[in-house]
Each structure stands twice: as structure tokens, then as C-alpha cells.
Amino acid sequence: MKDGTYIVRIDEEGIPRLSEPVAVSSGYWVSTEGVSVHGKLDQAGIIDALDLMELHEGAVVGLWENEGLTYIDRSIHISNKSQALAAAKVFDQLAIYDCGNSSVIEL
């Protein structure tokens, strides 16, 4: 699975799966909670990580790899930069993702 933002779909067996990547060209993604795992995740590892977060149908998650870790975070989209930065501080995040510039803004 490649880096990106995805919608969680729960299949008929109750197993969480990820949709196709969500493309957003403005605003900011802010993580609210998540899990990190050493190494690259296969489909089974992604399902296990999603189960740990007890996600519901339609939840939005960001997935990315950095320096040998894979991160899966529940995410919210905020259109205003100052509000996104404020939310990131509340959720004790290190950065937000700028959709318009396809870049990370570190706090």
C-alpha cells in the first residue's frame, strides 16, 4: 500500500479495509490518533493496525512510511491553516499535511 489518505470500509465479515486513496487539493490533514509499526506493512498488518484503532465505516486514515516505520493515523481534514495547526497541538502532533502544496508542515 502506498502513502496516502484512505477511507475505511468494513466488509461483510467485519474486517476493516482501505478504499482507493482520497485526493484532496486544498486544506490540511491533521492526525488525531494512530499506531506506528516497524517496517513495511502488508495487507494483514494494515488490518491489524486498523483493528487496534477500532475504526468505523467511513473513518479517514493516513498511511505513510518514514525511516523504517509505517504510520497509520485517524485523520481529519481542516480547510483553515491556523485551525489545522491549533488542532495538531491539541492532538499532540509533530506535523500536519498541506494538501495544496503536497508537503508536510512541522510544528
Protein backbone atom coordinates (compact mmCIF):
# COMPACT_ATOMS: atom_id res chain seq x y z
CA MET A 1 0.00 0.00 0.00
CA LYS A 2 1.38 3.40 -0.87
CA ASP A 3 1.48 6.57 1.22
CA GLY A 4 -1.83 8.40 1.18
CA THR A 5 -5.16 9.06 2.82
CA TYR A 6 -7.88 6.44 2.69
CA ILE A 7 -11.49 5.86 3.76
CA VAL A 8 -12.09 2.80 5.93
CA ARG A 9 -14.65 0.33 4.63
CA ILE A 10 -15.90 -2.54 6.79
CA ASP A 11 -16.53 -5.69 4.73
CA GLU A 12 -19.35 -8.18 5.29
CA GLU A 13 -17.14 -10.15 7.71
CA GLY A 14 -16.49 -7.05 9.84
CA ILE A 15 -12.90 -6.65 8.62
CA PRO A 16 -11.70 -3.08 8.03
CA ARG A 17 -10.29 -2.41 4.56
CA LEU A 18 -8.91 0.72 2.91
CA SER A 19 -10.52 2.36 -0.12
CA GLU A 20 -8.69 3.90 -3.03
CA PRO A 21 -6.63 6.95 -1.97
CA VAL A 22 -8.60 10.14 -1.28
CA ALA A 23 -7.39 13.04 -3.43
CA VAL A 24 -7.77 16.47 -1.84
CA SER A 25 -6.15 19.53 -3.41
CA SER A 26 -6.62 22.08 -0.62
CA GLY A 27 -6.70 22.27 3.16
CA TYR A 28 -4.75 20.24 5.70
CA TRP A 29 -4.79 16.71 7.10
CA VAL A 30 -4.40 16.52 10.87
CA SER A 31 -3.92 13.24 12.70
CA THR A 32 -5.89 12.65 15.87
CA GLU A 33 -4.57 9.23 16.93
CA GLY A 34 -2.78 6.31 15.39
CA VAL A 35 -0.33 3.48 15.51
CA SER A 36 3.20 3.03 14.24
CA VAL A 37 4.80 -0.24 13.25
CA HIS A 38 8.42 -1.09 12.46
CA GLY A 39 8.88 -1.90 8.78
CA LYS A 40 6.61 -2.02 5.78
CA LEU A 41 3.10 -3.35 6.36
CA ASP A 42 1.41 -5.97 4.24
CA GLN A 43 -2.40 -6.18 3.99
CA ALA A 44 -2.65 -8.31 7.16
CA GLY A 45 -0.53 -5.81 9.10
CA ILE A 46 -2.71 -2.93 7.93
CA ILE A 47 -5.85 -4.78 9.03
CA ASP A 48 -4.30 -5.47 12.47
CA ALA A 49 -3.35 -1.79 12.86
CA LEU A 50 -6.86 -0.67 11.85
CA ASP A 51 -8.35 -3.09 14.40
CA LEU A 52 -6.23 -1.53 17.15
CA MET A 53 -7.85 1.85 16.48
CA GLU A 54 -11.42 0.44 16.50
CA LEU A 55 -12.34 2.41 13.38
CA HIS A 56 -15.86 2.65 11.99
CA GLU A 57 -17.12 2.60 8.40
CA GLY A 58 -16.23 5.88 6.72
CA ALA A 59 -13.38 6.84 9.05
CA VAL A 60 -10.43 8.50 7.34
CA VAL A 61 -6.86 7.33 7.89
CA GLY A 62 -3.49 8.47 6.63
CA LEU A 63 -0.82 5.89 5.91
CA TRP A 64 2.84 6.62 5.28
CA GLU A 65 6.31 5.23 5.78
CA ASN A 66 9.27 7.18 7.18
CA GLU A 67 12.69 5.98 8.33
CA GLY A 68 11.72 2.32 8.75
CA LEU A 69 8.35 2.94 10.42
CA THR A 70 4.86 2.72 8.97
CA TYR A 71 2.29 5.10 10.44
CA ILE A 72 -1.48 4.71 10.27
CA ASP A 73 -3.39 7.62 11.79
CA ARG A 74 -7.05 8.56 12.08
CA SER A 75 -7.19 11.90 10.29
CA ILE A 76 -9.43 14.92 9.93
CA HIS A 77 -9.44 17.48 7.12
CA ILE A 78 -9.39 21.16 8.08
CA SER A 79 -9.53 23.89 5.44
CA ASN A 80 -8.01 26.70 7.53
CA LYS A 81 -4.26 26.57 8.24
CA SER A 82 -4.36 28.27 11.65
CA GLN A 83 -7.18 25.98 12.79
CA ALA A 84 -5.29 22.93 11.50
CA LEU A 85 -2.17 23.97 13.42
CA ALA A 86 -4.22 24.56 16.57
CA ALA A 87 -5.88 21.14 16.24
CA ALA A 88 -2.49 19.50 15.74
CA LYS A 89 -1.30 20.99 19.02
CA VAL A 90 -4.40 19.69 20.82
CA PHE A 91 -3.75 16.19 19.43
CA ASP A 92 -0.03 16.44 20.28
CA GLN A 93 1.09 16.01 16.66
CA LEU A 94 4.52 16.85 15.25
CA ALA A 95 3.26 17.96 11.83
CA ILE A 96 0.28 18.42 9.52
CA TYR A 97 -0.02 17.70 5.81
CA ASP A 98 -0.62 20.62 3.41
CA CYS A 99 -2.81 19.20 0.61
CA GLY A 100 -2.39 22.25 -1.66
CA ASN A 101 1.40 22.08 -1.67
CA SER A 102 1.75 18.30 -1.15
CA SER A 103 4.10 18.95 1.75
CA VAL A 104 4.50 18.43 5.47
CA ILE A 105 4.37 21.41 7.83
CA GLU A 106 6.29 20.64 11.01
CA LEU A 107 5.13 22.22 14.26
